[in-house]
Protein backbone atom coordinates (compact mmCIF):
# COMPACT_ATOMS: atom_id res chain seq x y z
CA UNK A 1 99.87 83.77 92.52
CA UNK A 2 98.60 84.45 95.61
CA UNK A 3 95.71 86.85 95.29
CA UNK A 4 94.78 89.81 97.58
CA UNK A 5 91.67 92.21 97.54
CA UNK A 6 92.48 96.04 98.65
CA UNK A 7 89.87 97.78 99.65
CA UNK A 8 90.86 101.27 99.67
CA UNK A 9 92.82 101.04 96.98
CA UNK A 10 92.64 104.75 95.64
CA UNK A 11 94.09 105.57 98.94
CA UNK A 12 97.82 106.44 99.84
CA UNK A 13 98.40 103.16 100.88
CA UNK A 14 96.10 101.01 98.85
CA UNK A 15 98.53 102.35 96.16
CA UNK A 16 102.05 101.73 96.91
CA UNK A 17 100.22 98.70 98.54
CA UNK A 18 99.61 97.59 94.91
CA UNK A 19 102.57 98.19 93.50
CA UNK A 20 104.17 96.16 96.41
CA UNK A 21 102.29 93.19 96.19
CA UNK A 22 102.27 93.83 92.10
CA UNK A 23 105.84 92.96 92.00
CA UNK A 24 105.65 90.16 94.15
CA UNK A 25 103.21 88.35 91.74
CA UNK A 26 99.70 88.95 93.31
CA UNK A 27 96.93 89.08 91.50
CA UNK A 28 95.51 92.47 92.98
CA UNK A 29 91.63 93.53 92.97
CA UNK A 30 91.36 97.12 93.85
CA UNK A 31 87.88 97.61 96.11
CA UNK A 32 86.59 100.81 95.36
CA UNK A 33 82.90 102.74 96.07
CA UNK A 34 81.93 102.81 92.56
CA UNK A 35 84.79 101.35 90.49
CA UNK A 36 83.11 102.76 87.44
CA UNK A 37 83.77 107.06 88.36
CA UNK A 38 86.37 107.21 89.91
CA UNK A 39 89.64 108.23 89.07
CA UNK A 40 92.23 105.90 90.61
CA UNK A 41 94.87 108.82 90.24
CA UNK A 42 97.57 107.41 92.77
CA UNK A 43 97.37 104.51 90.88
CA UNK A 44 97.97 106.34 87.46
CA UNK A 45 100.73 108.38 89.00
CA UNK A 46 102.07 105.18 90.19
CA UNK A 47 101.96 103.01 86.42
CA UNK A 48 99.42 100.04 87.40
CA UNK A 49 96.22 100.98 87.59
CA UNK A 50 96.18 98.36 83.69
CA UNK A 51 97.51 96.09 85.75
CA UNK A 52 94.68 95.61 89.11
CA UNK A 53 91.66 94.69 88.45
CA UNK A 54 89.10 96.94 89.89
CA UNK A 55 86.03 96.23 91.87
CA UNK A 56 83.14 98.07 93.21
CA UNK A 57 82.64 97.04 97.19
CA UNK A 58 80.94 99.37 99.71
CA UNK A 59 82.15 97.50 102.89
CA UNK A 60 79.68 99.28 104.96
CA UNK A 61 76.81 97.14 102.87
CA UNK A 62 77.41 93.15 104.27
CA UNK A 63 76.18 92.43 101.12
CA UNK A 64 77.89 94.30 98.51
CA UNK A 65 81.25 93.28 100.81
CA UNK A 66 79.83 89.03 101.02
CA UNK A 67 79.35 88.75 97.20
CA UNK A 68 82.99 90.51 96.77
CA UNK A 69 84.66 88.39 99.00
CA UNK A 70 82.80 84.87 97.02
CA UNK A 71 83.52 86.08 93.62
CA UNK A 72 86.86 87.28 94.08
CA UNK A 73 87.76 84.56 96.31
CA UNK A 74 91.34 86.73 97.45
CA UNK A 75 93.88 85.30 99.61
CA UNK A 76 93.83 88.19 101.72
CA UNK A 77 92.30 91.55 102.13
CA UNK A 78 93.82 94.75 103.15
CA UNK A 79 90.85 96.95 105.30
CA UNK A 80 92.43 100.84 103.76
CA UNK A 81 88.93 101.44 103.03
CA UNK A 82 87.52 104.31 105.18
CA UNK A 83 87.39 108.33 106.45
CA UNK A 84 91.24 109.10 106.41
CA UNK A 85 90.94 112.73 108.24
CA UNK A 86 91.36 113.27 111.65
CA UNK A 87 90.26 117.38 111.33
CA UNK A 88 87.34 115.72 109.03
CA UNK A 89 86.83 113.49 111.24
CA UNK A 90 85.18 116.04 113.50
CA UNK A 91 82.96 117.99 110.90
CA UNK A 92 81.92 114.18 109.50
CA UNK A 93 82.33 112.13 113.20
CA UNK A 94 78.88 109.60 111.59
CA UNK A 95 80.19 109.09 108.65
CA UNK A 96 83.76 108.22 110.45
CA UNK A 97 82.06 105.87 112.92
CA UNK A 98 80.54 103.75 110.24
CA UNK A 99 82.99 103.70 107.09
CA UNK A 100 85.59 101.93 109.43
CA UNK A 101 84.09 100.61 111.85
CA UNK A 102 80.88 98.85 110.19
CA UNK A 103 82.82 98.28 106.92
CA UNK A 104 85.79 96.33 108.71
CA UNK A 105 82.67 94.31 111.19
CA UNK A 106 81.07 93.63 107.59
CA UNK A 107 84.30 92.43 106.60
CA UNK A 108 84.55 89.54 109.26
CA UNK A 109 82.36 88.92 109.38
CA UNK A 110 81.26 88.11 105.65
CA UNK A 111 85.11 86.48 106.33
CA UNK A 112 83.64 84.21 108.29
CA UNK A 113 80.24 83.55 106.66
CA UNK A 114 81.64 82.46 103.36
CA UNK A 115 84.60 79.97 105.47
CA UNK A 116 87.28 81.09 103.20
CA UNK A 117 90.73 80.62 104.60
CA UNK A 118 91.20 84.35 103.65
CA UNK A 119 93.79 86.56 105.46
CA UNK A 120 92.70 90.02 107.00
CA UNK A 121 94.96 92.94 107.42
CA UNK A 122 93.16 96.04 109.22
CA UNK A 123 94.56 99.63 108.84
CA UNK A 124 94.95 100.45 112.80
CA UNK A 125 95.97 103.79 113.41
CA UNK A 126 98.52 105.63 115.82
CA UNK A 127 95.80 108.00 116.93
CA UNK A 128 93.94 105.28 119.57
CA UNK A 129 96.63 105.98 121.96
CA UNK A 130 96.61 109.55 122.02
CA UNK A 131 98.79 112.02 124.06
CA UNK A 132 101.48 109.19 124.62
CA UNK A 133 103.61 112.39 126.72
CA UNK A 134 107.42 110.87 127.42
CA UNK A 135 106.50 107.25 127.35
CA UNK A 136 106.32 105.61 124.37
CA UNK A 137 102.94 103.92 122.69
CA UNK A 138 103.45 99.93 121.64
CA UNK A 139 101.25 97.10 121.65
CA UNK A 140 100.63 97.15 125.22
CA UNK A 141 99.85 100.59 125.30
CA UNK A 142 96.00 101.64 126.64
CA UNK A 143 93.77 103.67 124.21
CA UNK A 144 93.28 106.60 125.00
CA UNK A 145 91.28 108.33 122.00
CA UNK A 146 90.56 112.51 121.56
CA UNK A 147 89.12 112.60 117.83
CA UNK A 148 86.18 110.32 116.21
CA UNK A 149 88.91 109.14 113.79
CA UNK A 150 90.13 107.38 117.01
CA UNK A 151 87.01 106.27 118.89
CA UNK A 152 86.97 104.65 114.90
CA UNK A 153 89.98 103.13 114.64
CA UNK A 154 89.82 101.86 118.36
CA UNK A 155 86.79 100.24 117.42
CA UNK A 156 88.11 98.83 114.84
CA UNK A 157 91.15 97.26 116.33
CA UNK A 158 88.88 95.53 119.44
CA UNK A 159 86.39 94.22 116.65
CA UNK A 160 89.44 92.08 115.10
CA UNK A 161 90.55 91.65 118.64
CA UNK A 162 87.66 89.62 119.27
CA UNK A 163 87.03 87.39 115.53
CA UNK A 164 90.54 86.51 116.28
CA UNK A 165 90.00 85.05 119.33
CA UNK A 166 86.26 84.42 118.89
CA UNK A 167 86.38 82.33 115.71
CA UNK A 168 89.43 82.02 115.12
CA UNK A 169 90.24 84.18 112.36
CA UNK A 170 93.81 85.21 110.98
CA UNK A 171 92.99 88.61 111.21
CA UNK A 172 94.98 92.03 112.43
CA UNK A 173 96.00 94.86 112.78
CA UNK A 174 98.59 96.94 111.62
CA UNK A 175 98.53 100.25 114.35
CA UNK A 176 100.44 103.08 111.92
CA UNK A 177 102.19 106.38 113.25
CA UNK A 178 102.09 108.95 110.57
CA UNK A 179 103.30 108.17 106.91
CA UNK A 180 103.45 110.18 104.15
CA UNK A 181 104.28 110.34 100.72
CA UNK A 182 103.22 112.92 97.17
CA UNK A 183 100.34 111.12 97.22
CA UNK A 184 98.81 112.59 100.11
CA UNK A 185 96.33 115.21 99.43
CA UNK A 186 96.65 118.62 100.68
CA UNK A 187 93.89 118.64 103.58
CA UNK A 188 96.41 116.35 105.75
CA UNK A 189 99.14 118.95 106.95
CA UNK A 190 101.82 117.96 105.93
CA UNK A 191 101.43 117.93 102.40
CA UNK A 192 100.13 121.62 102.50
CA UNK A 193 103.36 122.40 104.27
CA UNK A 194 105.08 121.59 101.45
CA UNK A 195 103.32 122.28 98.35
CA UNK A 196 102.65 126.21 99.27
CA UNK A 197 106.18 126.14 100.64
CA UNK A 198 107.18 125.64 96.72
CA UNK A 199 104.57 127.61 95.91
CA UNK A 200 106.20 130.63 97.65
CA UNK A 201 109.96 129.35 96.40
CA UNK A 202 108.76 129.15 92.66
CA UNK A 203 107.22 133.04 92.96
CA UNK A 204 104.31 133.19 96.14
CA UNK A 205 103.30 135.63 97.47
CA UNK A 206 101.20 133.28 99.70
CA UNK A 207 101.57 132.68 103.86
CA UNK A 208 101.43 128.94 105.15
CA UNK A 209 98.46 129.43 107.83
CA UNK A 210 98.58 126.67 109.84
CA UNK A 211 96.83 125.28 113.42
CA UNK A 212 99.09 124.11 115.99
CA UNK A 213 102.72 124.28 115.85
CA UNK A 214 103.59 122.85 118.43
CA UNK A 215 102.69 119.00 118.36
CA UNK A 216 104.83 116.27 118.18
CA UNK A 217 104.18 113.27 115.28
CA UNK A 218 106.12 110.20 114.32
CA UNK A 219 106.52 111.06 110.37
CA UNK A 220 107.35 107.71 108.43
CA UNK A 221 108.03 107.40 104.57
CA UNK A 222 104.52 105.39 103.58
CA UNK A 223 106.05 102.58 100.80
CA UNK A 224 108.57 101.55 103.87
CA UNK A 225 104.88 100.92 106.11
CA UNK A 226 103.22 99.05 103.02
CA UNK A 227 105.98 96.36 102.94
CA UNK A 228 105.59 95.74 106.70
CA UNK A 229 101.59 95.64 106.42
CA UNK A 230 102.46 92.75 103.80
CA UNK A 231 105.19 90.76 106.57
CA UNK A 232 102.39 91.19 108.84
CA UNK A 233 100.16 89.37 106.99
CA UNK A 234 103.20 86.30 106.17
CA UNK A 235 102.96 85.48 109.55
CA UNK A 236 102.94 82.21 111.32
CA UNK A 237 99.78 83.45 113.50
CA UNK A 238 97.71 86.53 113.25
CA UNK A 239 99.07 89.69 115.68
CA UNK A 240 98.85 93.04 116.10
CA UNK A 241 102.24 95.60 115.27
CA UNK A 242 103.03 98.80 116.08
CA UNK A 243 104.84 100.11 112.91
CA UNK A 244 106.86 103.46 112.92
CA UNK A 245 110.18 104.81 112.86
CA UNK A 246 110.58 105.77 117.07
CA UNK A 247 111.39 109.19 116.55
CA UNK A 248 109.26 111.99 117.08
CA UNK A 249 109.73 115.45 115.79
CA UNK A 250 108.05 118.08 116.48
CA UNK A 251 105.76 120.02 113.60
CA UNK A 252 107.57 123.49 114.05
CA UNK A 253 111.18 121.38 113.22
CA UNK A 254 109.23 119.93 110.11
CA UNK A 255 107.83 123.16 108.71
CA UNK A 256 112.07 124.50 109.37
CA UNK A 257 113.24 121.48 107.69
CA UNK A 258 111.00 121.81 104.21
CA UNK A 259 111.66 125.94 104.89
CA UNK A 260 115.62 124.64 104.80
CA UNK A 261 116.00 122.62 102.10
CA UNK A 262 114.25 125.23 99.75
CA UNK A 263 116.61 127.74 101.60
CA UNK A 264 113.99 129.75 102.40
CA UNK A 265 113.37 131.15 106.47
CA UNK A 266 110.00 129.84 107.09
CA UNK A 267 109.49 132.56 109.89
CA UNK A 268 109.08 135.22 107.18
CA UNK A 269 106.38 132.83 105.15
CA UNK A 270 104.59 130.70 108.29
CA UNK A 271 101.62 132.29 110.61
CA UNK A 272 99.32 130.50 112.54
CA UNK A 273 95.21 131.24 112.81
CA UNK A 274 92.88 129.59 115.71
CA UNK A 275 90.42 128.65 113.33
CA UNK A 276 92.87 125.81 112.26
CA UNK A 277 93.01 124.00 115.53
CA UNK A 278 91.41 120.92 116.34
CA UNK A 279 89.29 120.73 119.68
CA UNK A 280 91.53 118.49 121.11
CA UNK A 281 94.39 117.48 119.81
CA UNK A 282 97.47 115.19 120.63
CA UNK A 283 100.47 117.44 121.83
CA UNK A 284 103.09 113.91 121.54
CA UNK A 285 103.42 111.03 119.79
CA UNK A 286 106.01 108.77 120.54
CA UNK A 287 106.08 105.13 119.86
CA UNK A 288 108.23 101.65 120.15
CA UNK A 289 108.39 99.39 117.69
CA UNK A 290 110.51 97.01 118.76
CA UNK A 291 108.56 94.53 118.21
CA UNK A 292 108.18 95.00 114.80
CA UNK A 293 111.34 94.59 114.26
CA UNK A 294 111.71 91.75 116.96
CA UNK A 295 109.40 89.31 114.72
CA UNK A 296 108.88 90.76 111.46
CA UNK A 297 112.59 91.98 110.84
CA UNK A 298 111.06 95.49 109.48
CA UNK A 299 112.37 98.77 110.39
CA UNK A 300 111.63 101.80 108.89
CA UNK A 301 114.47 102.61 106.24
CA UNK A 302 113.47 106.38 106.13
CA UNK A 303 113.71 109.42 108.27
CA UNK A 304 111.82 112.50 108.65
CA UNK A 305 114.46 114.65 107.00
CA UNK A 306 114.43 112.15 104.34
CA UNK A 307 110.39 111.96 104.04
CA UNK A 308 110.57 115.55 103.37
CA UNK A 309 112.85 115.37 100.42
CA UNK A 310 111.88 113.08 98.79
CA UNK A 311 108.21 115.06 98.81
CA UNK A 312 109.44 117.97 97.99
CA UNK A 313 111.43 116.70 95.28
CA UNK A 314 108.13 115.15 93.45
CA UNK A 315 106.25 118.81 94.05
CA UNK A 316 109.28 120.81 92.41
CA UNK A 317 108.62 117.95 89.54
CA UNK A 318 105.46 119.58 88.31
CA UNK A 319 106.69 122.88 87.54
CA UNK A 320 109.46 120.78 85.44
């Protein structure tokens, strides 16, 4: 039985990855800063909390990281921990940089120090590319980060690449474009749009207040993307991969599709406010996931429209 340590198990990706690996027969150790205090509500929602060994690990603390690795002795480590919000990173830049870059470095160094044959997956981000314009980003595209979050993710990417080359570690980064699900908290714009639209559909007289709705992103379905994480770790040689649908849509289209699905006119309910505009933001994010298809045999199964349907249906279930 393979053993996997998932750091950041309580988040969206950690929960879906846990379910995937359990279905594949893994023994799962779910890492969280305080396993006794955390509610692990996403694991509860998926009905898998009791199937996971929950462990306290602070990857920003080298001793905690090393002790956990030596005790668990995992075959695979998935680093999904750290501050995950681009918007929040402008308010908490130091915490964002430390939780992502220092945490990743501690995992790499602890694996090296332990001398165990451990594979490491690092959660990268398309935010590292910055504004791609009309040119889809692939694994060879230069990074031009435009937020503290993106700077931190770029740092972690190069830490992984350096340790892979210098110490021959099996360490990989999945450069994931936006991927959503009902497990997203409402601070993420997609969940904010859907939860607000559903409340309006149910009779609320509120408005949906957003910042710049002319940005363009590649939105996929989170359960598809955790499968790509696992496939990256099953390769004979470590490598980095862009994971995305390959299709870019505007936030305006995302909003209109949500309201249309509910039989509503978005123009009546959506207003913009400059207070919600970030200091710097990406206008367009385009992607080229062809390497993942060629080498991993992976292709996104769900479109943006599918994702919207899944998320709205899940939100409506809460009213039944």
